[in-house]
Amino acid sequence: MASLFRKKKKVDEVAERDAESSSRRASSDLSSDHSNAAAAEERDDGSTVDNEQIMVNETPELIATSLAEMRALLIQDNALRTSEGDGNSDSVLLRFLRVMKFDVSKACVRYTAHWDAREEWGYGPTPFSYAALPDDVKRVIGLGFLQIPFGVRDRVGRQIVLAMPRNMDWSQIQDADSVKHMLWYMMDVALRSEETQRKGVLIINDMGTMSRDNFNRNAVSGVLHSLQNLIPVRLGGVRLMNQPWFFSWLFGIVSVFMKAKLRERISVLGTNHAALAEWCEPGSIPATLGGELEWDHAAWIENAP
């Protein structure tokens, strides 16, 4: 028995070293992509690159003309949701223009895909509210896999989003799609801030103590498809912390669902918590990662909009 234990321990140590090596290679590759993506600071069209993102120089004229053009194109394609609610308000149309850097044609494509999916799932144009969510979606929110300390931002103004895969208890979830619907609601609340619309979000994914049982391929696929194609949110960056020994296996699966742009914005930091200071002040870094941020997710749920 002692011999078997020693062998198992040795296998685990080798697996951990392999995972650590894979993480370093991934971090090196992704850091290189990140440097290339953020190389330019100014562009001919007046936009700027703010860390990893192009920030459009918004003016009242640009907003007015873009909204008018977007409405005209959507009406032409019979795609504008004209009933009362989120689908026909300037404030919501602006979310799609901002995520597409005021490329009106691309904004129309995402708007249409967004509303087609939202209506297919039975939500319709009524603004999202916690009280109206299905019970299974509320349970997912309560697990705390995704937490958004609203108003807490990084050094360039991006909303901080905290992901903790270890909180995903699949014994309490009836439908993997509920994870995707949780994301839609949480991001919708975040996007009620114009600053978040303009500057986007920075995701800090703490993978510490995560096990394979916390992972669901279908849920990850739905989340990444929504973030990259349907929800009008700017993904400013993703910081992976405390990745588990099976990270190379996990990333191999998850990366299949990632576009090149998202891959370029990922940094694998491991246990180097101090590296977060490059992007965040101490007050924007969770205390569990060496910062000062304490967020009461349960208290937020009690008064969730």
C-alpha atoms as a PDB file:
ATOM      1  CA  MET A   1       0.000   0.000   0.000  1.00  0.00           C
ATOM      2  CA  ALA A   2       2.818   2.411   0.889  1.00  0.00           C
ATOM      3  CA  SER A   3       4.478   1.622  -2.439  1.00  0.00           C
ATOM      4  CA  LEU A   4       1.269   2.395  -4.333  1.00  0.00           C
ATOM      5  CA  PHE A   5       0.895   5.661  -2.440  1.00  0.00           C
ATOM      6  CA  ARG A   6       4.438   6.708  -3.349  1.00  0.00           C
ATOM      7  CA  LYS A   7       3.789   5.883  -7.012  1.00  0.00           C
ATOM      8  CA  LYS A   8       0.544   7.872  -7.026  1.00  0.00           C
ATOM      9  CA  LYS A   9       2.268  10.805  -5.355  1.00  0.00           C
ATOM     10  CA  LYS A  10       5.023  10.710  -7.967  1.00  0.00           C
ATOM     11  CA  VAL A  11       2.474  10.622 -10.804  1.00  0.00           C
ATOM     12  CA  ASP A  12       0.639  13.602  -9.294  1.00  0.00           C
ATOM     13  CA  GLU A  13       3.902  15.528  -8.947  1.00  0.00           C
ATOM     14  CA  VAL A  14       4.791  14.857 -12.588  1.00  0.00           C
ATOM     15  CA  ALA A  15       1.300  15.906 -13.690  1.00  0.00           C
ATOM     16  CA  GLU A  16       1.573  19.125 -11.711  1.00  0.00           C
ATOM     17  CA  ARG A  17       4.999  19.899 -13.213  1.00  0.00           C
ATOM     18  CA  ASP A  18       3.648  19.218 -16.718  1.00  0.00           C
ATOM     19  CA  ALA A  19       0.652  21.471 -16.098  1.00  0.00           C
ATOM     20  CA  GLU A  20       2.900  24.206 -14.717  1.00  0.00           C
ATOM     21  CA  SER A  21       5.119  23.933 -17.790  1.00  0.00           C
ATOM     22  CA  SER A  22       2.079  24.073 -20.100  1.00  0.00           C
ATOM     23  CA  SER A  23       0.778  27.095 -18.229  1.00  0.00           C
ATOM     24  CA  ARG A  24       4.117  28.890 -18.631  1.00  0.00           C
ATOM     25  CA  ARG A  25       4.133  28.143 -22.370  1.00  0.00           C
ATOM     26  CA  ALA A  26       0.547  29.336 -22.729  1.00  0.00           C
ATOM     27  CA  SER A  27       1.334  32.458 -20.721  1.00  0.00           C
ATOM     28  CA  SER A  28       4.362  33.196 -22.894  1.00  0.00           C
ATOM     29  CA  ASP A  29       2.405  32.755 -26.130  1.00  0.00           C
ATOM     30  CA  LEU A  30      -0.553  34.785 -24.935  1.00  0.00           C
ATOM     31  CA  SER A  31       1.646  37.550 -23.519  1.00  0.00           C
ATOM     32  CA  SER A  32       3.345  37.853 -26.906  1.00  0.00           C
ATOM     33  CA  ASP A  33      -0.030  38.174 -28.626  1.00  0.00           C
ATOM     34  CA  HIS A  34      -1.093  40.738 -26.021  1.00  0.00           C
ATOM     35  CA  SER A  35       1.966  42.897 -26.682  1.00  0.00           C
ATOM     36  CA  ASN A  36       1.305  42.878 -30.424  1.00  0.00           C
ATOM     37  CA  ALA A  37      -2.366  43.743 -29.956  1.00  0.00           C
ATOM     38  CA  ALA A  38      -1.605  46.749 -27.757  1.00  0.00           C
ATOM     39  CA  ALA A  39       1.389  48.063 -29.677  1.00  0.00           C
ATOM     40  CA  ALA A  40      -0.253  51.100 -31.325  1.00  0.00           C
ATOM     41  CA  GLU A  41      -1.517  53.957 -29.169  1.00  0.00           C
ATOM     42  CA  GLU A  42      -3.196  56.203 -31.718  1.00  0.00           C
ATOM     43  CA  ARG A  43      -4.993  55.612 -35.007  1.00  0.00           C
ATOM     44  CA  ASP A  44      -5.731  57.769 -38.021  1.00  0.00           C
ATOM     45  CA  ASP A  45      -9.487  57.782 -37.352  1.00  0.00           C
ATOM     46  CA  GLY A  46      -9.037  59.490 -33.974  1.00  0.00           C
ATOM     47  CA  SER A  47      -9.508  56.322 -31.947  1.00  0.00           C
ATOM     48  CA  THR A  48      -6.981  55.247 -29.357  1.00  0.00           C
ATOM     49  CA  VAL A  49      -5.782  51.930 -28.002  1.00  0.00           C
ATOM     50  CA  ASP A  50      -6.429  51.880 -24.247  1.00  0.00           C
ATOM     51  CA  ASN A  51      -4.454  48.885 -22.936  1.00  0.00           C
ATOM     52  CA  GLU A  52      -5.828  46.066 -25.126  1.00  0.00           C
ATOM     53  CA  GLN A  53      -8.825  47.848 -26.672  1.00  0.00           C
ATOM     54  CA  ILE A  54      -9.575  50.426 -29.333  1.00  0.00           C
ATOM     55  CA  MET A  55     -11.430  53.313 -27.720  1.00  0.00           C
ATOM     56  CA  VAL A  56     -13.589  55.261 -30.182  1.00  0.00           C
ATOM     57  CA  ASN A  57     -13.625  59.046 -29.932  1.00  0.00           C
ATOM     58  CA  GLU A  58     -17.374  59.453 -29.350  1.00  0.00           C
ATOM     59  CA  THR A  59     -19.043  62.731 -30.264  1.00  0.00           C
ATOM     60  CA  PRO A  60     -22.740  63.735 -30.162  1.00  0.00           C
ATOM     61  CA  GLU A  61     -22.690  63.872 -33.968  1.00  0.00           C
ATOM     62  CA  LEU A  62     -21.240  60.360 -34.277  1.00  0.00           C
ATOM     63  CA  ILE A  63     -23.830  58.976 -31.867  1.00  0.00           C
ATOM     64  CA  ALA A  64     -26.768  60.685 -33.582  1.00  0.00           C
ATOM     65  CA  THR A  65     -25.806  59.737 -37.140  1.00  0.00           C
ATOM     66  CA  SER A  66     -24.897  56.160 -36.173  1.00  0.00           C
ATOM     67  CA  LEU A  67     -28.186  55.626 -34.332  1.00  0.00           C
ATOM     68  CA  ALA A  68     -30.160  56.960 -37.289  1.00  0.00           C
ATOM     69  CA  GLU A  69     -28.261  54.758 -39.738  1.00  0.00           C
ATOM     70  CA  MET A  70     -28.634  51.709 -37.517  1.00  0.00           C
ATOM     71  CA  ARG A  71     -32.383  52.191 -37.167  1.00  0.00           C
ATOM     72  CA  ALA A  72     -32.756  52.625 -40.925  1.00  0.00           C
ATOM     73  CA  LEU A  73     -30.832  49.418 -41.667  1.00  0.00           C
ATOM     74  CA  LEU A  74     -32.757  47.420 -39.068  1.00  0.00           C
ATOM     75  CA  ILE A  75     -36.108  48.687 -40.374  1.00  0.00           C
ATOM     76  CA  GLN A  76     -35.022  47.870 -43.924  1.00  0.00           C
ATOM     77  CA  ASP A  77     -34.261  44.292 -42.842  1.00  0.00           C
ATOM     78  CA  ASN A  78     -37.417  44.106 -40.712  1.00  0.00           C
ATOM     79  CA  ALA A  79     -35.184  43.377 -37.707  1.00  0.00           C
ATOM     80  CA  LEU A  80     -35.899  46.333 -35.390  1.00  0.00           C
ATOM     81  CA  ARG A  81     -37.864  45.272 -32.320  1.00  0.00           C
ATOM     82  CA  THR A  82     -40.487  48.024 -32.259  1.00  0.00           C
ATOM     83  CA  SER A  83     -42.467  46.966 -29.204  1.00  0.00           C
ATOM     84  CA  GLU A  84     -41.867  48.765 -25.925  1.00  0.00           C
ATOM     85  CA  GLY A  85     -38.805  47.508 -24.074  1.00  0.00           C
ATOM     86  CA  ASP A  86     -35.088  47.073 -24.541  1.00  0.00           C
ATOM     87  CA  GLY A  87     -35.160  46.388 -28.278  1.00  0.00           C
ATOM     88  CA  ASN A  88     -36.223  49.852 -29.376  1.00  0.00           C
ATOM     89  CA  SER A  89     -34.386  52.282 -27.108  1.00  0.00           C
ATOM     90  CA  ASP A  90     -31.434  54.449 -28.068  1.00  0.00           C
ATOM     91  CA  SER A  91     -29.614  53.487 -24.883  1.00  0.00           C
ATOM     92  CA  VAL A  92     -29.676  49.793 -25.812  1.00  0.00           C
ATOM     93  CA  LEU A  93     -28.911  50.355 -29.501  1.00  0.00           C
ATOM     94  CA  LEU A  94     -25.845  52.275 -28.343  1.00  0.00           C
ATOM     95  CA  ARG A  95     -24.554  49.153 -26.587  1.00  0.00           C
ATOM     96  CA  PHE A  96     -24.303  47.401 -29.944  1.00  0.00           C
ATOM     97  CA  LEU A  97     -22.699  50.388 -31.652  1.00  0.00           C
ATOM     98  CA  ARG A  98     -20.101  50.686 -28.907  1.00  0.00           C
ATOM     99  CA  VAL A  99     -19.168  47.014 -28.851  1.00  0.00           C
ATOM    100  CA  MET A 100     -18.625  47.189 -32.620  1.00  0.00           C
ATOM    101  CA  LYS A 101     -16.720  50.496 -32.432  1.00  0.00           C
ATOM    102  CA  PHE A 102     -19.521  52.269 -34.329  1.00  0.00           C
ATOM    103  CA  ASP A 103     -19.360  49.959 -37.336  1.00  0.00           C
ATOM    104  CA  VAL A 104     -23.103  50.176 -38.039  1.00  0.00           C
ATOM    105  CA  SER A 105     -23.343  47.071 -40.227  1.00  0.00           C
ATOM    106  CA  LYS A 106     -21.614  44.894 -37.615  1.00  0.00           C
ATOM    107  CA  ALA A 107     -23.739  46.436 -34.856  1.00  0.00           C
ATOM    108  CA  CYS A 108     -26.886  45.448 -36.757  1.00  0.00           C
ATOM    109  CA  VAL A 109     -25.639  41.872 -37.152  1.00  0.00           C
ATOM    110  CA  ARG A 110     -25.011  41.479 -33.409  1.00  0.00           C
ATOM    111  CA  TYR A 111     -28.261  43.237 -32.507  1.00  0.00           C
ATOM    112  CA  THR A 112     -30.239  40.831 -34.691  1.00  0.00           C
ATOM    113  CA  ALA A 113     -28.428  37.742 -33.394  1.00  0.00           C
ATOM    114  CA  HIS A 114     -28.904  38.960 -29.810  1.00  0.00           C
ATOM    115  CA  TRP A 115     -32.634  39.456 -30.135  1.00  0.00           C
ATOM    116  CA  ASP A 116     -33.216  36.281 -32.112  1.00  0.00           C
ATOM    117  CA  ALA A 117     -31.577  34.303 -29.280  1.00  0.00           C
ATOM    118  CA  ARG A 118     -33.295  36.257 -26.528  1.00  0.00           C
ATOM    119  CA  GLU A 119     -36.731  35.683 -28.061  1.00  0.00           C
ATOM    120  CA  GLU A 120     -35.983  32.017 -28.743  1.00  0.00           C
ATOM    121  CA  TRP A 121     -35.295  31.569 -25.022  1.00  0.00           C
ATOM    122  CA  GLY A 122     -38.572  33.268 -24.095  1.00  0.00           C
ATOM    123  CA  TYR A 123     -37.287  36.505 -22.573  1.00  0.00           C
ATOM    124  CA  GLY A 124     -38.611  39.001 -25.125  1.00  0.00           C
ATOM    125  CA  PRO A 125     -38.111  42.788 -25.055  1.00  0.00           C
ATOM    126  CA  THR A 126     -38.945  43.292 -21.379  1.00  0.00           C
ATOM    127  CA  PRO A 127     -35.826  44.499 -19.523  1.00  0.00           C
ATOM    128  CA  PHE A 128     -34.129  41.752 -17.521  1.00  0.00           C
ATOM    129  CA  SER A 129     -35.009  41.624 -13.829  1.00  0.00           C
ATOM    130  CA  TYR A 130     -33.848  39.215 -11.155  1.00  0.00           C
ATOM    131  CA  ALA A 131     -37.378  38.641  -9.875  1.00  0.00           C
ATOM    132  CA  ALA A 132     -38.562  37.404 -13.288  1.00  0.00           C
ATOM    133  CA  LEU A 133     -35.684  34.965 -13.882  1.00  0.00           C
ATOM    134  CA  PRO A 134     -36.370  31.198 -13.875  1.00  0.00           C
ATOM    135  CA  ASP A 135     -35.563  29.500 -10.567  1.00  0.00           C
ATOM    136  CA  ASP A 136     -32.718  27.483 -12.074  1.00  0.00           C
ATOM    137  CA  VAL A 137     -31.023  30.670 -13.303  1.00  0.00           C
ATOM    138  CA  LYS A 138     -31.391  32.184  -9.824  1.00  0.00           C
ATOM    139  CA  ARG A 139     -29.729  29.093  -8.360  1.00  0.00           C
ATOM    140  CA  VAL A 140     -26.775  29.522 -10.704  1.00  0.00           C
ATOM    141  CA  ILE A 141     -26.457  33.175  -9.703  1.00  0.00           C
ATOM    142  CA  GLY A 142     -26.551  32.131  -6.059  1.00  0.00           C
ATOM    143  CA  LEU A 143     -23.668  29.687  -6.522  1.00  0.00           C
ATOM    144  CA  GLY A 144     -21.384  32.639  -7.160  1.00  0.00           C
ATOM    145  CA  PHE A 145     -19.487  31.270 -10.137  1.00  0.00           C
ATOM    146  CA  LEU A 146     -19.714  34.741 -11.686  1.00  0.00           C
ATOM    147  CA  GLN A 147     -19.634  37.818  -9.473  1.00  0.00           C
ATOM    148  CA  ILE A 148     -19.577  41.436 -10.585  1.00  0.00           C
ATOM    149  CA  PRO A 149     -18.542  44.005  -7.963  1.00  0.00           C
ATOM    150  CA  PHE A 150     -20.446  46.769  -9.718  1.00  0.00           C
ATOM    151  CA  GLY A 151     -18.534  50.031 -10.003  1.00  0.00           C
ATOM    152  CA  VAL A 152     -15.173  48.419  -9.223  1.00  0.00           C
ATOM    153  CA  ARG A 153     -12.858  49.086 -12.178  1.00  0.00           C
ATOM    154  CA  ASP A 154      -9.314  48.498 -13.361  1.00  0.00           C
ATOM    155  CA  ARG A 155      -6.771  51.213 -14.088  1.00  0.00           C
ATOM    156  CA  VAL A 156      -8.345  52.102 -17.465  1.00  0.00           C
ATOM    157  CA  GLY A 157     -11.961  51.996 -16.300  1.00  0.00           C
ATOM    158  CA  ARG A 158     -13.038  48.469 -17.227  1.00  0.00           C
ATOM    159  CA  GLN A 159     -15.596  46.808 -14.964  1.00  0.00           C
ATOM    160  CA  ILE A 160     -14.040  44.011 -12.916  1.00  0.00           C
ATOM    161  CA  VAL A 161     -15.751  40.617 -13.332  1.00  0.00           C
ATOM    162  CA  LEU A 162     -14.815  37.753 -11.002  1.00  0.00           C
ATOM    163  CA  ALA A 163     -15.094  34.125 -12.096  1.00  0.00           C
ATOM    164  CA  MET A 164     -14.669  31.248  -9.642  1.00  0.00           C
ATOM    165  CA  PRO A 165     -15.187  27.881 -11.358  1.00  0.00           C
ATOM    166  CA  ARG A 166     -14.840  26.033  -8.041  1.00  0.00           C
ATOM    167  CA  ASN A 167     -18.318  27.305  -7.127  1.00  0.00           C
ATOM    168  CA  MET A 168     -20.009  25.415  -9.960  1.00  0.00           C
ATOM    169  CA  ASP A 169     -21.942  22.659  -8.151  1.00  0.00           C
ATOM    170  CA  TRP A 170     -23.684  20.803 -10.949  1.00  0.00           C
ATOM    171  CA  SER A 171     -25.798  18.791  -8.531  1.00  0.00           C
ATOM    172  CA  GLN A 172     -27.800  21.990  -7.961  1.00  0.00           C
ATOM    173  CA  ILE A 173     -28.278  22.904 -11.629  1.00  0.00           C
ATOM    174  CA  GLN A 174     -30.988  21.374 -13.779  1.00  0.00           C
ATOM    175  CA  ASP A 175     -30.011  22.768 -17.173  1.00  0.00           C
ATOM    176  CA  ALA A 176     -26.543  23.755 -18.458  1.00  0.00           C
ATOM    177  CA  ASP A 177     -28.203  26.577 -20.437  1.00  0.00           C
ATOM    178  CA  SER A 178     -29.016  28.260 -17.131  1.00  0.00           C
ATOM    179  CA  VAL A 179     -25.340  29.216 -16.876  1.00  0.00           C
ATOM    180  CA  LYS A 180     -25.580  31.035 -20.182  1.00  0.00           C
ATOM    181  CA  HIS A 181     -28.784  32.780 -19.099  1.00  0.00           C
ATOM    182  CA  MET A 182     -27.136  33.802 -15.812  1.00  0.00           C
ATOM    183  CA  LEU A 183     -24.365  35.427 -17.834  1.00  0.00           C
ATOM    184  CA  TRP A 184     -26.865  37.345 -19.976  1.00  0.00           C
ATOM    185  CA  TYR A 185     -28.582  38.766 -16.909  1.00  0.00           C
ATOM    186  CA  MET A 186     -25.369  39.686 -15.079  1.00  0.00           C
ATOM    187  CA  MET A 187     -23.856  41.373 -18.137  1.00  0.00           C
ATOM    188  CA  ASP A 188     -27.094  43.203 -18.849  1.00  0.00           C
ATOM    189  CA  VAL A 189     -26.978  44.739 -15.378  1.00  0.00           C
ATOM    190  CA  ALA A 190     -23.316  45.684 -15.863  1.00  0.00           C
ATOM    191  CA  LEU A 191     -24.059  47.271 -19.250  1.00  0.00           C
ATOM    192  CA  ARG A 192     -26.556  49.666 -17.724  1.00  0.00           C
ATOM    193  CA  SER A 193     -23.427  51.710 -17.022  1.00  0.00           C
ATOM    194  CA  GLU A 194     -22.291  53.749 -20.028  1.00  0.00           C
ATOM    195  CA  GLU A 195     -18.709  53.570 -18.823  1.00  0.00           C
ATOM    196  CA  THR A 196     -18.872  49.770 -18.975  1.00  0.00           C
ATOM    197  CA  GLN A 197     -20.389  49.963 -22.458  1.00  0.00           C
ATOM    198  CA  ARG A 198     -17.508  52.127 -23.639  1.00  0.00           C
ATOM    199  CA  LYS A 199     -14.608  50.493 -21.801  1.00  0.00           C
ATOM    200  CA  GLY A 200     -15.796  46.916 -21.350  1.00  0.00           C
ATOM    201  CA  VAL A 201     -14.869  44.370 -18.711  1.00  0.00           C
ATOM    202  CA  LEU A 202     -11.765  42.714 -17.316  1.00  0.00           C
ATOM    203  CA  ILE A 203     -12.372  39.125 -16.184  1.00  0.00           C
ATOM    204  CA  ILE A 204     -10.278  37.777 -13.307  1.00  0.00           C
ATOM    205  CA  ASN A 205     -10.726  34.013 -13.307  1.00  0.00           C
ATOM    206  CA  ASP A 206      -9.523  32.431 -10.058  1.00  0.00           C
ATOM    207  CA  MET A 207      -9.242  28.718 -10.829  1.00  0.00           C
ATOM    208  CA  GLY A 208      -7.890  27.797  -7.399  1.00  0.00           C
ATOM    209  CA  THR A 209      -9.221  24.494  -5.949  1.00  0.00           C
ATOM    210  CA  MET A 210     -11.195  23.875  -9.140  1.00  0.00           C
ATOM    211  CA  SER A 211     -11.801  20.215  -9.965  1.00  0.00           C
ATOM    212  CA  ARG A 212     -12.846  18.524 -13.189  1.00  0.00           C
ATOM    213  CA  ASP A 213     -16.311  18.063 -11.686  1.00  0.00           C
ATOM    214  CA  ASN A 214     -16.778  21.840 -11.861  1.00  0.00           C
ATOM    215  CA  PHE A 215     -16.349  21.815 -15.645  1.00  0.00           C
ATOM    216  CA  ASN A 216     -19.163  21.413 -18.178  1.00  0.00           C
ATOM    217  CA  ARG A 217     -18.278  21.617 -21.859  1.00  0.00           C
ATOM    218  CA  ASN A 218     -21.766  22.621 -23.013  1.00  0.00           C
ATOM    219  CA  ALA A 219     -21.975  25.425 -20.471  1.00  0.00           C
ATOM    220  CA  VAL A 220     -18.569  26.803 -21.472  1.00  0.00           C
ATOM    221  CA  SER A 221     -19.523  26.655 -25.147  1.00  0.00           C
ATOM    222  CA  GLY A 222     -22.716  28.634 -24.488  1.00  0.00           C
ATOM    223  CA  VAL A 223     -20.938  31.224 -22.366  1.00  0.00           C
ATOM    224  CA  LEU A 224     -18.149  31.852 -24.864  1.00  0.00           C
ATOM    225  CA  HIS A 225     -20.522  31.963 -27.852  1.00  0.00           C
ATOM    226  CA  SER A 226     -22.665  34.517 -26.025  1.00  0.00           C
ATOM    227  CA  LEU A 227     -19.713  36.693 -25.023  1.00  0.00           C
ATOM    228  CA  GLN A 228     -18.160  36.690 -28.482  1.00  0.00           C
ATOM    229  CA  ASN A 229     -21.248  36.870 -30.699  1.00  0.00           C
ATOM    230  CA  LEU A 230     -24.428  37.873 -28.890  1.00  0.00           C
ATOM    231  CA  ILE A 231     -23.984  40.044 -25.802  1.00  0.00           C
ATOM    232  CA  PRO A 232     -22.925  43.653 -26.571  1.00  0.00           C
ATOM    233  CA  VAL A 233     -19.997  43.662 -24.161  1.00  0.00           C
ATOM    234  CA  ARG A 234     -16.376  44.541 -24.831  1.00  0.00           C
ATOM    235  CA  LEU A 235     -14.039  41.857 -23.533  1.00  0.00           C
ATOM    236  CA  GLY A 236     -11.030  43.903 -22.510  1.00  0.00           C
ATOM    237  CA  GLY A 237      -9.032  41.049 -21.077  1.00  0.00           C
ATOM    238  CA  VAL A 238      -9.003  37.781 -19.133  1.00  0.00           C
ATOM    239  CA  ARG A 239      -6.539  36.998 -16.339  1.00  0.00           C
ATOM    240  CA  LEU A 240      -6.273  33.323 -15.378  1.00  0.00           C
ATOM    241  CA  MET A 241      -5.095  32.759 -11.816  1.00  0.00           C
ATOM    242  CA  ASN A 242      -4.176  29.631  -9.839  1.00  0.00           C
ATOM    243  CA  GLN A 243      -4.788  27.273 -12.744  1.00  0.00           C
ATOM    244  CA  PRO A 244      -5.131  23.588 -11.733  1.00  0.00           C
ATOM    245  CA  TRP A 245      -2.787  20.754 -12.650  1.00  0.00           C
ATOM    246  CA  PHE A 246      -5.130  19.696 -15.484  1.00  0.00           C
ATOM    247  CA  PHE A 247      -5.039  23.156 -17.071  1.00  0.00           C
ATOM    248  CA  SER A 248      -3.475  22.030 -20.361  1.00  0.00           C
ATOM    249  CA  TRP A 249      -6.297  19.514 -20.839  1.00  0.00           C
ATOM    250  CA  LEU A 250      -8.923  22.092 -19.879  1.00  0.00           C
ATOM    251  CA  PHE A 251      -7.538  24.892 -22.045  1.00  0.00           C
ATOM    252  CA  GLY A 252      -7.302  22.499 -24.978  1.00  0.00           C
ATOM    253  CA  ILE A 253     -11.065  22.014 -24.802  1.00  0.00           C
ATOM    254  CA  VAL A 254     -12.039  25.590 -24.028  1.00  0.00           C
ATOM    255  CA  SER A 255      -9.784  27.198 -26.646  1.00  0.00           C
ATOM    256  CA  VAL A 256     -11.775  25.456 -29.394  1.00  0.00           C
ATOM    257  CA  PHE A 257     -14.599  27.896 -28.643  1.00  0.00           C
ATOM    258  CA  MET A 258     -12.362  30.995 -28.631  1.00  0.00           C
ATOM    259  CA  LYS A 259     -11.808  33.429 -31.447  1.00  0.00           C
ATOM    260  CA  ALA A 260      -8.278  34.685 -32.041  1.00  0.00           C
ATOM    261  CA  LYS A 261      -9.156  38.103 -30.603  1.00  0.00           C
ATOM    262  CA  LEU A 262     -10.138  36.582 -27.262  1.00  0.00           C
ATOM    263  CA  ARG A 263      -7.026  34.404 -27.130  1.00  0.00           C
ATOM    264  CA  GLU A 264      -4.907  37.528 -27.618  1.00  0.00           C
ATOM    265  CA  ARG A 265      -6.453  39.085 -24.520  1.00  0.00           C
ATOM    266  CA  ILE A 266      -5.750  36.221 -22.125  1.00  0.00           C
ATOM    267  CA  SER A 267      -2.871  36.229 -19.667  1.00  0.00           C
ATOM    268  CA  VAL A 268      -2.073  33.096 -17.633  1.00  0.00           C
ATOM    269  CA  LEU A 269      -0.640  34.358 -14.344  1.00  0.00           C
ATOM    270  CA  GLY A 270      -0.779  31.278 -12.140  1.00  0.00           C
ATOM    271  CA  THR A 271       0.163  32.052  -8.534  1.00  0.00           C
ATOM    272  CA  ASN A 272       1.820  35.338  -9.472  1.00  0.00           C
ATOM    273  CA  HIS A 273      -0.933  37.384  -7.849  1.00  0.00           C
ATOM    274  CA  ALA A 274       1.248  40.479  -7.726  1.00  0.00           C
ATOM    275  CA  ALA A 275       1.119  40.628 -11.537  1.00  0.00           C
ATOM    276  CA  LEU A 276      -2.492  41.848 -11.327  1.00  0.00           C
ATOM    277  CA  ALA A 277      -1.124  45.194 -10.149  1.00  0.00           C
ATOM    278  CA  GLU A 278      -0.209  45.926 -13.789  1.00  0.00           C
ATOM    279  CA  TRP A 279      -3.928  46.309 -14.511  1.00  0.00           C
ATOM    280  CA  CYS A 280      -5.584  46.911 -11.143  1.00  0.00           C
ATOM    281  CA  GLU A 281      -5.272  48.995  -8.005  1.00  0.00           C
ATOM    282  CA  PRO A 282      -5.326  46.993  -4.724  1.00  0.00           C
ATOM    283  CA  GLY A 283      -8.975  47.936  -4.197  1.00  0.00           C
ATOM    284  CA  SER A 284      -9.911  46.221  -7.465  1.00  0.00           C
ATOM    285  CA  ILE A 285      -8.102  42.961  -6.673  1.00  0.00           C
ATOM    286  CA  PRO A 286      -9.895  40.337  -4.532  1.00  0.00           C
ATOM    287  CA  ALA A 287      -8.442  39.852  -1.067  1.00  0.00           C
ATOM    288  CA  THR A 288      -8.029  36.147  -1.913  1.00  0.00           C
ATOM    289  CA  LEU A 289      -5.565  37.211  -4.617  1.00  0.00           C
ATOM    290  CA  GLY A 290      -3.576  39.620  -2.469  1.00  0.00           C
ATOM    291  CA  GLY A 291      -5.728  42.719  -2.925  1.00  0.00           C
ATOM    292  CA  GLU A 292      -8.205  44.637  -0.793  1.00  0.00           C
ATOM    293  CA  LEU A 293     -11.505  43.925  -2.566  1.00  0.00           C
ATOM    294  CA  GLU A 294     -14.186  42.280  -0.416  1.00  0.00           C
ATOM    295  CA  TRP A 295     -17.422  41.702  -2.338  1.00  0.00           C
ATOM    296  CA  ASP A 296     -20.581  40.366  -0.691  1.00  0.00           C
ATOM    297  CA  HIS A 297     -22.305  38.568  -3.547  1.00  0.00           C
ATOM    298  CA  ALA A 298     -25.118  37.241  -1.346  1.00  0.00           C
ATOM    299  CA  ALA A 299     -25.935  40.747  -0.123  1.00  0.00           C
ATOM    300  CA  TRP A 300     -26.039  42.000  -3.716  1.00  0.00           C
ATOM    301  CA  ILE A 301     -28.517  39.257  -4.674  1.00  0.00           C
ATOM    302  CA  GLU A 302     -30.915  40.399  -1.928  1.00  0.00           C
ATOM    303  CA  ASN A 303     -31.349  43.711  -3.770  1.00  0.00           C
ATOM    304  CA  ALA A 304     -30.564  42.591  -7.325  1.00  0.00           C
ATOM    305  CA  PRO A 305     -32.385  44.724  -9.940  1.00  0.00           C
END
